[in-house]
């Protein structure tokens, strides 16, 4: 068996949200099938009777577990679930080298590895496992649900389809062979520069300083990642971002190919005014098309909400709905 790497984990409460007095918290680690050790925050209800249902949470894309995913995990733990919020491979406190790489395969596997870990805990019912993916990890969560039959319920919140946006651009504006060729050419030229220098050049996180003419969703990202509201020292988006070649494989390795074969329950949640809402609308339509198991699938559009409202806005995130969904489907 592969050894679990010993990671340097902070003992400080360094989250972007206050600590709950109704939940116990501790750091845990587990490895994926590539041998990468992942770091997670585990949240356990202080009042627990018997084996509990459990939920693994990850996202947004370029965030860390001390941000939105940790908030979701703690809130769901307050409602009776044992939860973990984990850092994906190559990011945050998790292992994996080189740093700041993404992979449609490895990052889907990260969710499955989280399920491995939850299934062997003495206080968890392995037949009652769910997952939550936020932003780019919403797409990864759906991808995991399509391959992992142990996942009984999935929530994708304010999701991105990272394959689609990398290969076609926002709103599919770059969906042509010529534009993809130019992107591939630029990425492969970057590979040579990185190889010569012996280091990976970062693409930059959320733009800073913020241009006056920035699109509204870039301003929203800035308001979260670059201000005390959501800034974190280990967050890629708050700092230098992914490697420039970090998301290259998403261009020709699409996720969600078999989403309409998902038999387990799925809830997709998105804000009506979010620039990214089309990802969820289209993913839901593709998921239920010709799927004999469509009755347990739901798309929830939240009026007047934008993309980052579903990161940390407690007046917008429908935790009552999530609670109802998981309790119904993890029983």
C-alpha atoms as a PDB file:
ATOM      1  CA  UNK A   1       0.000   0.000   0.000  1.00  0.00           C
ATOM      2  CA  UNK A   2       1.110   3.532  -0.669  1.00  0.00           C
ATOM      3  CA  UNK A   3       2.136   5.590   2.300  1.00  0.00           C
ATOM      4  CA  UNK A   4       0.193   8.707   3.207  1.00  0.00           C
ATOM      5  CA  UNK A   5       2.506  11.704   2.917  1.00  0.00           C
ATOM      6  CA  UNK A   6       3.032  13.722   6.063  1.00  0.00           C
ATOM      7  CA  UNK A   7       1.754  17.209   5.289  1.00  0.00           C
ATOM      8  CA  UNK A   8       2.459  20.492   7.062  1.00  0.00           C
ATOM      9  CA  UNK A   9      -0.996  21.433   8.372  1.00  0.00           C
ATOM     10  CA  UNK A  10      -1.722  24.591  10.298  1.00  0.00           C
ATOM     11  CA  UNK A  11      -3.301  24.323  13.736  1.00  0.00           C
ATOM     12  CA  UNK A  12      -4.730  27.842  13.513  1.00  0.00           C
ATOM     13  CA  UNK A  13      -8.343  28.620  12.692  1.00  0.00           C
ATOM     14  CA  UNK A  14      -7.540  30.536   9.516  1.00  0.00           C
ATOM     15  CA  UNK A  15     -10.919  30.315   7.773  1.00  0.00           C
ATOM     16  CA  UNK A  16     -12.774  33.184   6.142  1.00  0.00           C
ATOM     17  CA  UNK A  17     -15.821  32.406   8.316  1.00  0.00           C
ATOM     18  CA  UNK A  18     -16.300  32.200  12.099  1.00  0.00           C
ATOM     19  CA  UNK A  19     -15.981  28.902  13.952  1.00  0.00           C
ATOM     20  CA  UNK A  20     -19.223  27.241  15.015  1.00  0.00           C
ATOM     21  CA  UNK A  21     -19.693  26.230  18.657  1.00  0.00           C
ATOM     22  CA  UNK A  22     -22.071  23.448  17.558  1.00  0.00           C
ATOM     23  CA  UNK A  23     -19.472  21.537  15.561  1.00  0.00           C
ATOM     24  CA  UNK A  24     -16.174  19.810  16.346  1.00  0.00           C
ATOM     25  CA  UNK A  25     -13.329  20.445  13.908  1.00  0.00           C
ATOM     26  CA  UNK A  26     -10.108  18.607  13.122  1.00  0.00           C
ATOM     27  CA  UNK A  27      -7.648  18.180  10.264  1.00  0.00           C
ATOM     28  CA  UNK A  28      -7.525  14.862   8.404  1.00  0.00           C
ATOM     29  CA  UNK A  29      -5.570  13.472   5.471  1.00  0.00           C
ATOM     30  CA  UNK A  30      -6.210  10.742   2.917  1.00  0.00           C
ATOM     31  CA  UNK A  31      -4.658   9.667  -0.378  1.00  0.00           C
ATOM     32  CA  UNK A  32      -6.103   9.301  -3.854  1.00  0.00           C
ATOM     33  CA  UNK A  33      -5.324   6.421  -6.205  1.00  0.00           C
ATOM     34  CA  UNK A  34      -2.426   8.373  -7.722  1.00  0.00           C
ATOM     35  CA  UNK A  35      -0.736   8.406  -4.328  1.00  0.00           C
ATOM     36  CA  UNK A  36      -1.330  12.120  -3.722  1.00  0.00           C
ATOM     37  CA  UNK A  37      -2.180  12.926  -0.117  1.00  0.00           C
ATOM     38  CA  UNK A  38      -5.071  15.329   0.350  1.00  0.00           C
ATOM     39  CA  UNK A  39      -5.710  17.601   3.317  1.00  0.00           C
ATOM     40  CA  UNK A  40      -9.198  18.236   4.634  1.00  0.00           C
ATOM     41  CA  UNK A  41     -11.066  19.893   7.466  1.00  0.00           C
ATOM     42  CA  UNK A  42     -13.519  17.492   9.098  1.00  0.00           C
ATOM     43  CA  UNK A  43     -16.605  18.935  10.765  1.00  0.00           C
ATOM     44  CA  UNK A  44     -18.588  16.691  13.129  1.00  0.00           C
ATOM     45  CA  UNK A  45     -21.830  17.603  14.938  1.00  0.00           C
ATOM     46  CA  UNK A  46     -21.242  17.740  18.681  1.00  0.00           C
ATOM     47  CA  UNK A  47     -24.539  15.966  19.211  1.00  0.00           C
ATOM     48  CA  UNK A  48     -24.306  12.756  17.218  1.00  0.00           C
ATOM     49  CA  UNK A  49     -26.362   9.620  17.732  1.00  0.00           C
ATOM     50  CA  UNK A  50     -25.147   6.508  15.951  1.00  0.00           C
ATOM     51  CA  UNK A  51     -23.668   6.444  12.460  1.00  0.00           C
ATOM     52  CA  UNK A  52     -24.233   9.620  10.452  1.00  0.00           C
ATOM     53  CA  UNK A  53     -24.609  10.501   6.805  1.00  0.00           C
ATOM     54  CA  UNK A  54     -21.560  12.277   5.369  1.00  0.00           C
ATOM     55  CA  UNK A  55     -20.800  14.873   2.710  1.00  0.00           C
ATOM     56  CA  UNK A  56     -17.515  15.769   0.976  1.00  0.00           C
ATOM     57  CA  UNK A  57     -17.210  19.357  -0.254  1.00  0.00           C
ATOM     58  CA  UNK A  58     -14.789  21.027  -2.668  1.00  0.00           C
ATOM     59  CA  UNK A  59     -14.489  24.251  -4.642  1.00  0.00           C
ATOM     60  CA  UNK A  60     -14.565  26.863  -6.012  1.00  0.00           C
ATOM     61  CA  UNK A  61     -11.977  26.425  -8.760  1.00  0.00           C
ATOM     62  CA  UNK A  62      -8.815  28.101  -7.488  1.00  0.00           C
ATOM     63  CA  UNK A  63     -10.066  28.391  -3.903  1.00  0.00           C
ATOM     64  CA  UNK A  64      -9.038  26.507  -0.760  1.00  0.00           C
ATOM     65  CA  UNK A  65     -10.957  24.675   1.948  1.00  0.00           C
ATOM     66  CA  UNK A  66     -10.723  27.676   4.251  1.00  0.00           C
ATOM     67  CA  UNK A  67     -13.057  29.597   1.941  1.00  0.00           C
ATOM     68  CA  UNK A  68     -16.465  28.635   0.506  1.00  0.00           C
ATOM     69  CA  UNK A  69     -16.170  24.845   0.761  1.00  0.00           C
ATOM     70  CA  UNK A  70     -15.373  25.052   4.458  1.00  0.00           C
ATOM     71  CA  UNK A  71     -18.352  27.309   5.025  1.00  0.00           C
ATOM     72  CA  UNK A  72     -20.643  24.804   3.288  1.00  0.00           C
ATOM     73  CA  UNK A  73     -19.113  21.919   5.246  1.00  0.00           C
ATOM     74  CA  UNK A  74     -19.534  23.615   8.608  1.00  0.00           C
ATOM     75  CA  UNK A  75     -23.103  24.697   7.851  1.00  0.00           C
ATOM     76  CA  UNK A  76     -24.086  21.166   6.815  1.00  0.00           C
ATOM     77  CA  UNK A  77     -22.394  19.743   9.924  1.00  0.00           C
ATOM     78  CA  UNK A  78     -24.561  22.030  12.033  1.00  0.00           C
ATOM     79  CA  UNK A  79     -27.500  20.252  10.395  1.00  0.00           C
ATOM     80  CA  UNK A  80     -26.355  16.803  11.467  1.00  0.00           C
ATOM     81  CA  UNK A  81     -24.004  15.594   8.725  1.00  0.00           C
ATOM     82  CA  UNK A  82     -20.358  14.657   9.165  1.00  0.00           C
ATOM     83  CA  UNK A  83     -18.547  16.663   6.501  1.00  0.00           C
ATOM     84  CA  UNK A  84     -15.112  17.243   5.051  1.00  0.00           C
ATOM     85  CA  UNK A  85     -13.929  20.192   2.983  1.00  0.00           C
ATOM     86  CA  UNK A  86     -10.774  19.221   1.109  1.00  0.00           C
ATOM     87  CA  UNK A  87      -8.071  20.927  -0.908  1.00  0.00           C
ATOM     88  CA  UNK A  88      -7.699  19.376  -4.384  1.00  0.00           C
ATOM     89  CA  UNK A  89      -4.429  17.812  -5.493  1.00  0.00           C
ATOM     90  CA  UNK A  90      -1.585  20.291  -6.090  1.00  0.00           C
ATOM     91  CA  UNK A  91      -3.283  23.091  -4.132  1.00  0.00           C
ATOM     92  CA  UNK A  92      -3.710  24.438  -0.616  1.00  0.00           C
ATOM     93  CA  UNK A  93      -2.413  22.156   2.119  1.00  0.00           C
ATOM     94  CA  UNK A  94      -2.775  19.043  -0.065  1.00  0.00           C
ATOM     95  CA  UNK A  95       0.176  17.278  -1.640  1.00  0.00           C
ATOM     96  CA  UNK A  96       1.093  16.858  -5.272  1.00  0.00           C
ATOM     97  CA  UNK A  97       3.919  18.323  -7.314  1.00  0.00           C
ATOM     98  CA  UNK A  98       4.320  20.490  -9.299  1.00  0.00           C
ATOM     99  CA  UNK A  99       1.980  22.895  -7.605  1.00  0.00           C
ATOM    100  CA  UNK A 100      -1.030  24.665  -9.096  1.00  0.00           C
ATOM    101  CA  UNK A 101      -1.952  22.083 -11.712  1.00  0.00           C
ATOM    102  CA  UNK A 102      -5.484  20.934 -12.530  1.00  0.00           C
ATOM    103  CA  UNK A 103      -6.683  17.740 -14.167  1.00  0.00           C
ATOM    104  CA  UNK A 104     -10.161  16.545 -15.166  1.00  0.00           C
ATOM    105  CA  UNK A 105      -9.118  13.022 -14.198  1.00  0.00           C
ATOM    106  CA  UNK A 106      -7.164  13.634 -10.996  1.00  0.00           C
ATOM    107  CA  UNK A 107      -9.624  16.199  -9.660  1.00  0.00           C
ATOM    108  CA  UNK A 108     -12.569  13.867 -10.254  1.00  0.00           C
ATOM    109  CA  UNK A 109     -10.503  11.205  -8.475  1.00  0.00           C
ATOM    110  CA  UNK A 110     -10.041  13.616  -5.565  1.00  0.00           C
ATOM    111  CA  UNK A 111     -13.798  13.434  -4.921  1.00  0.00           C
ATOM    112  CA  UNK A 112     -13.689   9.638  -5.137  1.00  0.00           C
ATOM    113  CA  UNK A 113     -10.775   9.518  -2.704  1.00  0.00           C
ATOM    114  CA  UNK A 114     -12.814  11.637  -0.293  1.00  0.00           C
ATOM    115  CA  UNK A 115     -15.585   9.049  -0.574  1.00  0.00           C
ATOM    116  CA  UNK A 116     -13.021   6.283   0.141  1.00  0.00           C
ATOM    117  CA  UNK A 117     -12.058   8.086   3.330  1.00  0.00           C
ATOM    118  CA  UNK A 118     -15.616   8.704   4.488  1.00  0.00           C
ATOM    119  CA  UNK A 119     -16.671   5.113   3.837  1.00  0.00           C
ATOM    120  CA  UNK A 120     -14.171   3.674   6.342  1.00  0.00           C
ATOM    121  CA  UNK A 121     -14.931   5.991   9.273  1.00  0.00           C
ATOM    122  CA  UNK A 122     -16.526   4.209  12.233  1.00  0.00           C
ATOM    123  CA  UNK A 123     -19.110   6.942  12.818  1.00  0.00           C
ATOM    124  CA  UNK A 124     -20.255   7.181   9.169  1.00  0.00           C
ATOM    125  CA  UNK A 125     -22.808   5.041   7.329  1.00  0.00           C
ATOM    126  CA  UNK A 126     -21.070   4.151   4.062  1.00  0.00           C
ATOM    127  CA  UNK A 127     -24.462   3.830   2.349  1.00  0.00           C
ATOM    128  CA  UNK A 128     -25.170   7.505   3.080  1.00  0.00           C
ATOM    129  CA  UNK A 129     -22.463   9.482   1.271  1.00  0.00           C
ATOM    130  CA  UNK A 130     -23.049  12.706  -0.674  1.00  0.00           C
ATOM    131  CA  UNK A 131     -20.877  15.378  -2.264  1.00  0.00           C
ATOM    132  CA  UNK A 132     -21.056  19.122  -2.903  1.00  0.00           C
ATOM    133  CA  UNK A 133     -19.057  20.806  -5.651  1.00  0.00           C
ATOM    134  CA  UNK A 134     -18.869  24.587  -5.926  1.00  0.00           C
ATOM    135  CA  UNK A 135     -18.030  26.508  -9.116  1.00  0.00           C
ATOM    136  CA  UNK A 136     -15.547  24.462 -11.195  1.00  0.00           C
ATOM    137  CA  UNK A 137     -15.829  21.638  -8.696  1.00  0.00           C
ATOM    138  CA  UNK A 138     -19.559  21.572  -9.379  1.00  0.00           C
ATOM    139  CA  UNK A 139     -18.735  20.121 -12.777  1.00  0.00           C
ATOM    140  CA  UNK A 140     -16.213  17.774 -11.180  1.00  0.00           C
ATOM    141  CA  UNK A 141     -18.858  16.641  -8.681  1.00  0.00           C
ATOM    142  CA  UNK A 142     -21.230  15.717 -11.509  1.00  0.00           C
ATOM    143  CA  UNK A 143     -18.375  13.903 -13.223  1.00  0.00           C
ATOM    144  CA  UNK A 144     -17.688  11.978 -10.012  1.00  0.00           C
ATOM    145  CA  UNK A 145     -21.378  11.110  -9.626  1.00  0.00           C
ATOM    146  CA  UNK A 146     -21.336   9.650 -13.145  1.00  0.00           C
ATOM    147  CA  UNK A 147     -18.558   7.186 -12.287  1.00  0.00           C
ATOM    148  CA  UNK A 148     -18.916   6.542  -8.544  1.00  0.00           C
ATOM    149  CA  UNK A 149     -21.955   4.479  -7.572  1.00  0.00           C
ATOM    150  CA  UNK A 150     -21.200   5.007  -3.866  1.00  0.00           C
ATOM    151  CA  UNK A 151     -22.260   8.647  -4.181  1.00  0.00           C
ATOM    152  CA  UNK A 152     -25.962   8.708  -3.369  1.00  0.00           C
ATOM    153  CA  UNK A 153     -26.614  12.450  -3.681  1.00  0.00           C
ATOM    154  CA  UNK A 154     -24.788  15.327  -5.378  1.00  0.00           C
ATOM    155  CA  UNK A 155     -25.146  19.105  -5.211  1.00  0.00           C
ATOM    156  CA  UNK A 156     -23.493  21.309  -7.830  1.00  0.00           C
ATOM    157  CA  UNK A 157     -23.567  24.937  -6.712  1.00  0.00           C
ATOM    158  CA  UNK A 158     -22.910  27.870  -9.095  1.00  0.00           C
ATOM    159  CA  UNK A 159     -21.135  25.354 -11.353  1.00  0.00           C
ATOM    160  CA  UNK A 160     -18.633  25.793 -14.159  1.00  0.00           C
ATOM    161  CA  UNK A 161     -17.959  23.192 -16.834  1.00  0.00           C
ATOM    162  CA  UNK A 162     -14.180  23.626 -16.943  1.00  0.00           C
ATOM    163  CA  UNK A 163     -13.794  21.596 -20.133  1.00  0.00           C
ATOM    164  CA  UNK A 164     -16.286  23.777 -21.942  1.00  0.00           C
ATOM    165  CA  UNK A 165     -14.902  27.114 -20.825  1.00  0.00           C
ATOM    166  CA  UNK A 166     -11.307  26.090 -21.608  1.00  0.00           C
ATOM    167  CA  UNK A 167     -12.110  24.768 -25.077  1.00  0.00           C
ATOM    168  CA  UNK A 168     -14.798  27.252 -26.121  1.00  0.00           C
ATOM    169  CA  UNK A 169     -14.322  30.354 -23.975  1.00  0.00           C
ATOM    170  CA  UNK A 170     -17.023  32.188 -22.080  1.00  0.00           C
ATOM    171  CA  UNK A 171     -20.467  31.869 -23.666  1.00  0.00           C
ATOM    172  CA  UNK A 172     -18.805  29.639 -26.319  1.00  0.00           C
ATOM    173  CA  UNK A 173     -17.449  32.784 -28.003  1.00  0.00           C
ATOM    174  CA  UNK A 174     -14.198  30.998 -28.981  1.00  0.00           C
ATOM    175  CA  UNK A 175     -15.813  27.820 -30.257  1.00  0.00           C
ATOM    176  CA  UNK A 176     -13.875  27.368 -33.485  1.00  0.00           C
ATOM    177  CA  UNK A 177     -11.030  25.153 -34.638  1.00  0.00           C
ATOM    178  CA  UNK A 178      -8.887  28.193 -35.447  1.00  0.00           C
ATOM    179  CA  UNK A 179      -9.284  29.769 -31.998  1.00  0.00           C
ATOM    180  CA  UNK A 180      -8.576  26.468 -30.270  1.00  0.00           C
ATOM    181  CA  UNK A 181      -5.488  26.063 -32.455  1.00  0.00           C
ATOM    182  CA  UNK A 182      -4.188  29.471 -31.385  1.00  0.00           C
ATOM    183  CA  UNK A 183      -4.797  28.584 -27.739  1.00  0.00           C
ATOM    184  CA  UNK A 184      -2.994  25.266 -28.141  1.00  0.00           C
ATOM    185  CA  UNK A 185      -0.105  26.958 -29.892  1.00  0.00           C
ATOM    186  CA  UNK A 186       0.275  29.531 -27.122  1.00  0.00           C
ATOM    187  CA  UNK A 187       0.106  26.866 -24.413  1.00  0.00           C
ATOM    188  CA  UNK A 188       2.721  24.692 -26.091  1.00  0.00           C
ATOM    189  CA  UNK A 189       5.021  27.675 -26.520  1.00  0.00           C
ATOM    190  CA  UNK A 190       4.573  28.288 -22.797  1.00  0.00           C
ATOM    191  CA  UNK A 191       5.610  24.693 -22.117  1.00  0.00           C
ATOM    192  CA  UNK A 192       8.953  25.320 -23.837  1.00  0.00           C
ATOM    193  CA  UNK A 193       9.527  28.518 -21.840  1.00  0.00           C
ATOM    194  CA  UNK A 194       8.727  26.688 -18.608  1.00  0.00           C
ATOM    195  CA  UNK A 195      11.005  23.787 -19.506  1.00  0.00           C
ATOM    196  CA  UNK A 196      13.889  26.122 -20.304  1.00  0.00           C
ATOM    197  CA  UNK A 197      13.454  28.118 -17.116  1.00  0.00           C
ATOM    198  CA  UNK A 198      12.908  25.074 -14.912  1.00  0.00           C
ATOM    199  CA  UNK A 199       9.823  26.649 -13.334  1.00  0.00           C
ATOM    200  CA  UNK A 200       6.146  27.028 -14.123  1.00  0.00           C
ATOM    201  CA  UNK A 201       4.954  30.545 -14.837  1.00  0.00           C
ATOM    202  CA  UNK A 202       1.786  31.529 -13.020  1.00  0.00           C
ATOM    203  CA  UNK A 203      -1.177  32.877 -14.928  1.00  0.00           C
ATOM    204  CA  UNK A 204      -2.178  35.369 -12.243  1.00  0.00           C
ATOM    205  CA  UNK A 205      -5.165  35.161  -9.935  1.00  0.00           C
ATOM    206  CA  UNK A 206      -8.089  37.554  -9.926  1.00  0.00           C
ATOM    207  CA  UNK A 207      -7.013  40.767 -11.629  1.00  0.00           C
ATOM    208  CA  UNK A 208      -5.581  43.361  -9.253  1.00  0.00           C
ATOM    209  CA  UNK A 209      -5.819  46.320  -9.429  1.00  0.00           C
ATOM    210  CA  UNK A 210      -9.359  46.099 -10.743  1.00  0.00           C
ATOM    211  CA  UNK A 211      -9.889  47.973 -14.041  1.00  0.00           C
ATOM    212  CA  UNK A 212     -12.766  50.433 -14.109  1.00  0.00           C
ATOM    213  CA  UNK A 213     -14.232  48.707 -17.161  1.00  0.00           C
ATOM    214  CA  UNK A 214     -14.024  45.165 -15.746  1.00  0.00           C
ATOM    215  CA  UNK A 215     -17.111  42.988 -16.386  1.00  0.00           C
ATOM    216  CA  UNK A 216     -19.471  42.752 -13.433  1.00  0.00           C
ATOM    217  CA  UNK A 217     -18.530  39.147 -12.678  1.00  0.00           C
ATOM    218  CA  UNK A 218     -14.817  40.053 -12.492  1.00  0.00           C
ATOM    219  CA  UNK A 219     -15.754  42.773  -9.998  1.00  0.00           C
ATOM    220  CA  UNK A 220     -17.669  40.139  -8.040  1.00  0.00           C
ATOM    221  CA  UNK A 221     -14.648  37.835  -8.018  1.00  0.00           C
ATOM    222  CA  UNK A 222     -12.468  40.716  -6.843  1.00  0.00           C
ATOM    223  CA  UNK A 223     -14.923  41.542  -4.045  1.00  0.00           C
ATOM    224  CA  UNK A 224     -14.597  37.979  -2.786  1.00  0.00           C
ATOM    225  CA  UNK A 225     -11.016  36.887  -3.404  1.00  0.00           C
ATOM    226  CA  UNK A 226      -9.160  40.183  -3.008  1.00  0.00           C
ATOM    227  CA  UNK A 227     -10.845  41.673   0.046  1.00  0.00           C
ATOM    228  CA  UNK A 228     -11.015  40.548   3.688  1.00  0.00           C
ATOM    229  CA  UNK A 229     -14.381  38.986   2.866  1.00  0.00           C
ATOM    230  CA  UNK A 230     -12.784  35.987   1.140  1.00  0.00           C
ATOM    231  CA  UNK A 231      -9.021  36.496   0.793  1.00  0.00           C
ATOM    232  CA  UNK A 232      -6.830  33.599   1.868  1.00  0.00           C
ATOM    233  CA  UNK A 233      -3.060  33.334   1.694  1.00  0.00           C
ATOM    234  CA  UNK A 234      -3.176  29.839   0.134  1.00  0.00           C
ATOM    235  CA  UNK A 235      -5.920  30.567  -2.382  1.00  0.00           C
ATOM    236  CA  UNK A 236      -4.742  30.572  -6.009  1.00  0.00           C
ATOM    237  CA  UNK A 237      -7.393  33.079  -7.025  1.00  0.00           C
ATOM    238  CA  UNK A 238      -6.480  35.404  -4.165  1.00  0.00           C
ATOM    239  CA  UNK A 239      -2.817  35.360  -5.207  1.00  0.00           C
ATOM    240  CA  UNK A 240      -0.794  34.204  -8.246  1.00  0.00           C
ATOM    241  CA  UNK A 241      -3.306  31.839  -9.812  1.00  0.00           C
ATOM    242  CA  UNK A 242      -2.845  28.544 -11.634  1.00  0.00           C
ATOM    243  CA  UNK A 243       0.175  27.696 -13.748  1.00  0.00           C
ATOM    244  CA  UNK A 244      -0.367  29.005 -17.269  1.00  0.00           C
ATOM    245  CA  UNK A 245      -0.406  25.422 -18.541  1.00  0.00           C
ATOM    246  CA  UNK A 246      -2.275  24.146 -15.493  1.00  0.00           C
ATOM    247  CA  UNK A 247      -5.661  23.670 -17.147  1.00  0.00           C
ATOM    248  CA  UNK A 248      -4.410  22.630 -20.586  1.00  0.00           C
ATOM    249  CA  UNK A 249      -5.824  19.092 -20.530  1.00  0.00           C
ATOM    250  CA  UNK A 250      -9.383  20.370 -20.103  1.00  0.00           C
ATOM    251  CA  UNK A 251      -9.292  21.488 -23.729  1.00  0.00           C
ATOM    252  CA  UNK A 252      -9.529  17.973 -25.136  1.00  0.00           C
ATOM    253  CA  UNK A 253     -10.643  15.863 -22.188  1.00  0.00           C
ATOM    254  CA  UNK A 254     -14.279  16.824 -21.706  1.00  0.00           C
ATOM    255  CA  UNK A 255     -16.072  15.986 -18.495  1.00  0.00           C
ATOM    256  CA  UNK A 256     -19.810  15.198 -18.199  1.00  0.00           C
ATOM    257  CA  UNK A 257     -19.834  12.821 -21.196  1.00  0.00           C
ATOM    258  CA  UNK A 258     -21.987  10.324 -19.299  1.00  0.00           C
ATOM    259  CA  UNK A 259     -23.934  12.661 -17.029  1.00  0.00           C
ATOM    260  CA  UNK A 260     -27.230  11.354 -18.432  1.00  0.00           C
ATOM    261  CA  UNK A 261     -26.355   7.951 -16.986  1.00  0.00           C
ATOM    262  CA  UNK A 262     -26.283   9.248 -13.400  1.00  0.00           C
ATOM    263  CA  UNK A 263     -28.835   7.253 -11.429  1.00  0.00           C
ATOM    264  CA  UNK A 264     -28.349   8.909  -8.040  1.00  0.00           C
ATOM    265  CA  UNK A 265     -30.002  12.145  -6.937  1.00  0.00           C
ATOM    266  CA  UNK A 266     -28.640  15.480  -8.170  1.00  0.00           C
ATOM    267  CA  UNK A 267     -29.492  19.064  -7.250  1.00  0.00           C
ATOM    268  CA  UNK A 268     -27.984  21.850  -9.368  1.00  0.00           C
ATOM    269  CA  UNK A 269     -28.208  25.346  -7.849  1.00  0.00           C
ATOM    270  CA  UNK A 270     -27.383  28.587  -9.625  1.00  0.00           C
ATOM    271  CA  UNK A 271     -28.047  32.303  -9.445  1.00  0.00           C
ATOM    272  CA  UNK A 272     -30.326  33.786 -12.078  1.00  0.00           C
ATOM    273  CA  UNK A 273     -28.012  36.763 -12.739  1.00  0.00           C
ATOM    274  CA  UNK A 274     -24.774  34.758 -12.664  1.00  0.00           C
ATOM    275  CA  UNK A 275     -22.664  35.036 -15.814  1.00  0.00           C
ATOM    276  CA  UNK A 276     -22.109  31.286 -15.428  1.00  0.00           C
ATOM    277  CA  UNK A 277     -25.751  30.240 -15.180  1.00  0.00           C
ATOM    278  CA  UNK A 278     -25.736  28.757 -18.685  1.00  0.00           C
ATOM    279  CA  UNK A 279     -23.353  26.036 -17.503  1.00  0.00           C
ATOM    280  CA  UNK A 280     -25.933  24.758 -15.019  1.00  0.00           C
ATOM    281  CA  UNK A 281     -28.912  25.110 -17.346  1.00  0.00           C
ATOM    282  CA  UNK A 282     -27.143  23.178 -20.096  1.00  0.00           C
ATOM    283  CA  UNK A 283     -25.669  20.577 -17.735  1.00  0.00           C
ATOM    284  CA  UNK A 284     -29.099  19.886 -16.283  1.00  0.00           C
ATOM    285  CA  UNK A 285     -30.679  19.555 -19.733  1.00  0.00           C
ATOM    286  CA  UNK A 286     -27.943  17.145 -20.827  1.00  0.00           C
ATOM    287  CA  UNK A 287     -28.196  15.169 -17.601  1.00  0.00           C
ATOM    288  CA  UNK A 288     -31.918  14.442 -17.905  1.00  0.00           C
ATOM    289  CA  UNK A 289     -31.965  13.896 -21.689  1.00  0.00           C
ATOM    290  CA  UNK A 290     -32.851  10.248 -22.356  1.00  0.00           C
ATOM    291  CA  UNK A 291     -32.091   9.466 -18.710  1.00  0.00           C
ATOM    292  CA  UNK A 292     -34.607   7.001 -17.241  1.00  0.00           C
ATOM    293  CA  UNK A 293     -33.511   8.212 -13.804  1.00  0.00           C
ATOM    294  CA  UNK A 294     -34.469  11.862 -14.264  1.00  0.00           C
ATOM    295  CA  UNK A 295     -37.150  12.074 -11.561  1.00  0.00           C
ATOM    296  CA  UNK A 296     -34.527  12.594  -8.846  1.00  0.00           C
ATOM    297  CA  UNK A 297     -32.780  15.445 -10.666  1.00  0.00           C
ATOM    298  CA  UNK A 298     -33.545  19.109  -9.989  1.00  0.00           C
ATOM    299  CA  UNK A 299     -32.390  22.525 -11.213  1.00  0.00           C
ATOM    300  CA  UNK A 300     -32.878  25.363  -8.729  1.00  0.00           C
ATOM    301  CA  UNK A 301     -32.442  28.890 -10.072  1.00  0.00           C
ATOM    302  CA  UNK A 302     -32.234  31.549  -7.371  1.00  0.00           C
ATOM    303  CA  UNK A 303     -33.804  34.857  -8.433  1.00  0.00           C
ATOM    304  CA  UNK A 304     -31.514  37.879  -8.678  1.00  0.00           C
ATOM    305  CA  UNK A 305     -28.418  36.023  -7.362  1.00  0.00           C
ATOM    306  CA  UNK A 306     -24.965  36.319  -8.973  1.00  0.00           C
ATOM    307  CA  UNK A 307     -22.164  33.760  -9.142  1.00  0.00           C
ATOM    308  CA  UNK A 308     -20.291  34.593  -5.933  1.00  0.00           C
ATOM    309  CA  UNK A 309     -23.482  34.976  -3.882  1.00  0.00           C
ATOM    310  CA  UNK A 310     -23.364  31.188  -3.662  1.00  0.00           C
ATOM    311  CA  UNK A 311     -19.854  31.305  -2.210  1.00  0.00           C
ATOM    312  CA  UNK A 312     -20.657  32.902   1.133  1.00  0.00           C
ATOM    313  CA  UNK A 313     -23.929  34.857   1.162  1.00  0.00           C
ATOM    314  CA  UNK A 314     -25.923  33.141   3.892  1.00  0.00           C
ATOM    315  CA  UNK A 315     -29.065  34.972   2.830  1.00  0.00           C
ATOM    316  CA  UNK A 316     -28.803  33.450  -0.658  1.00  0.00           C
ATOM    317  CA  UNK A 317     -27.269  29.966  -0.298  1.00  0.00           C
ATOM    318  CA  UNK A 318     -30.309  27.672   0.140  1.00  0.00           C
ATOM    319  CA  UNK A 319     -29.010  25.615   3.064  1.00  0.00           C
ATOM    320  CA  UNK A 320     -32.543  24.607   4.045  1.00  0.00           C
ATOM    321  CA  UNK A 321     -33.001  23.152   0.571  1.00  0.00           C
ATOM    322  CA  UNK A 322     -29.624  21.368   0.729  1.00  0.00           C
ATOM    323  CA  UNK A 323     -30.535  19.970   4.134  1.00  0.00           C
ATOM    324  CA  UNK A 324     -33.882  18.693   2.827  1.00  0.00           C
ATOM    325  CA  UNK A 325     -32.246  17.238  -0.307  1.00  0.00           C
ATOM    326  CA  UNK A 326     -29.542  15.312   1.528  1.00  0.00           C
ATOM    327  CA  UNK A 327     -31.818  14.071   4.321  1.00  0.00           C
ATOM    328  CA  UNK A 328     -34.263  12.762   1.737  1.00  0.00           C
ATOM    329  CA  UNK A 329     -31.626  11.026  -0.355  1.00  0.00           C
ATOM    330  CA  UNK A 330     -29.192   9.858   2.345  1.00  0.00           C
ATOM    331  CA  UNK A 331     -31.710   8.006   4.479  1.00  0.00           C
END
